Amino acid sequence: MKKNKAAAVEDDGSMSLSGHLRELRNRVAVCVVVLVLGFFGCLSIAGKLVTMLTDLGTAYQYNYVYIAPQELLLVYFNLALIGAVVITFPVLAYEAYAFCSPGLSRKERTSIALALLAGTLFFVIGVAFARFISVPFMLRFLIGFTTEVEVSASISIQEYVGFLMTVFLIFGAVFELPVISVLLTSLGVLRAEWLMKGRRVMIVLIFVLAAIITPPDIVSQIMVAVPMIGLYELSILLSRLVMKAKKKKADPDEDEDEEDE
């Protein structure tokens, strides 16, 4: 009996395939349970979440309607699912990290943990930037067209919430640029010199992207493009620091020789 219970562990202390599959099943089960609990928890306050989002447009005289019997219910479900992912992300990230960590070195575990923390922080900053700066400008600009024609703005609630979620996701992803740059530089895939050489091209591409994801007014484009350029410059700085640290670790005697001279 004892031999059967320990069959998942090999003689050298490593886990067998069946052991890995069992652990994966258990961790996936934990993720599913917390997601379901988070979903129903967010569904119970979905009305408040919708009100919080619609208040952004109500300040600019937006009126909301739903044009299908199930539309508002689907909005509640979508927000509950997104909210569940957001509030349970620490648990999901931990379960993924815990499953992979036995096969990683101490340095790799530390790097992944820091990347997860930094990535979460920058994503939250990006969403906050969209919420308090970009979205109000976009909504105010778009509603401005109704002053030129005799048309009232009755917005589909599903389209409106989908628009906001898309904007939040785009800005959250854009603000991940410094974290991605540091990771790629640490892995040797990216070099700070490449980022510096491509600076002019990237600035043009950033303004093009800002023009695509914002209304066609210069103020909104600048308010999106300037932070993106700042993030690009921050990525260059962080990449240079990472490369300098890697070089110093690979050849520590070089710095000591320079100091002696």
Foldseek 3Di string as FASTA:
>chain_A
DVCVVCVQADPVRHGHPVRLVVLVVVLVVVVVVLLVVQLVVQLVCLVVVLVVLVVLLVVQVAAEDADDPCQVVVSSNVRSNVRSCVVCVVSNVVSVLVSCVVVDDPVVSVLVVVLVVVLVVLLVVQLVCCVPPQVSVQSNVVCVVCVVDVDHHHHYSNVSVVLSVVSSNVSSVLSCVLSVLLVCLLVVNDALVVLVVCLVVVLVVLLVVLCVSGPNDPVSSCSRSVVSSVSSVSSSVSSVVSVVVVVCVVPVVVVVVVVVD
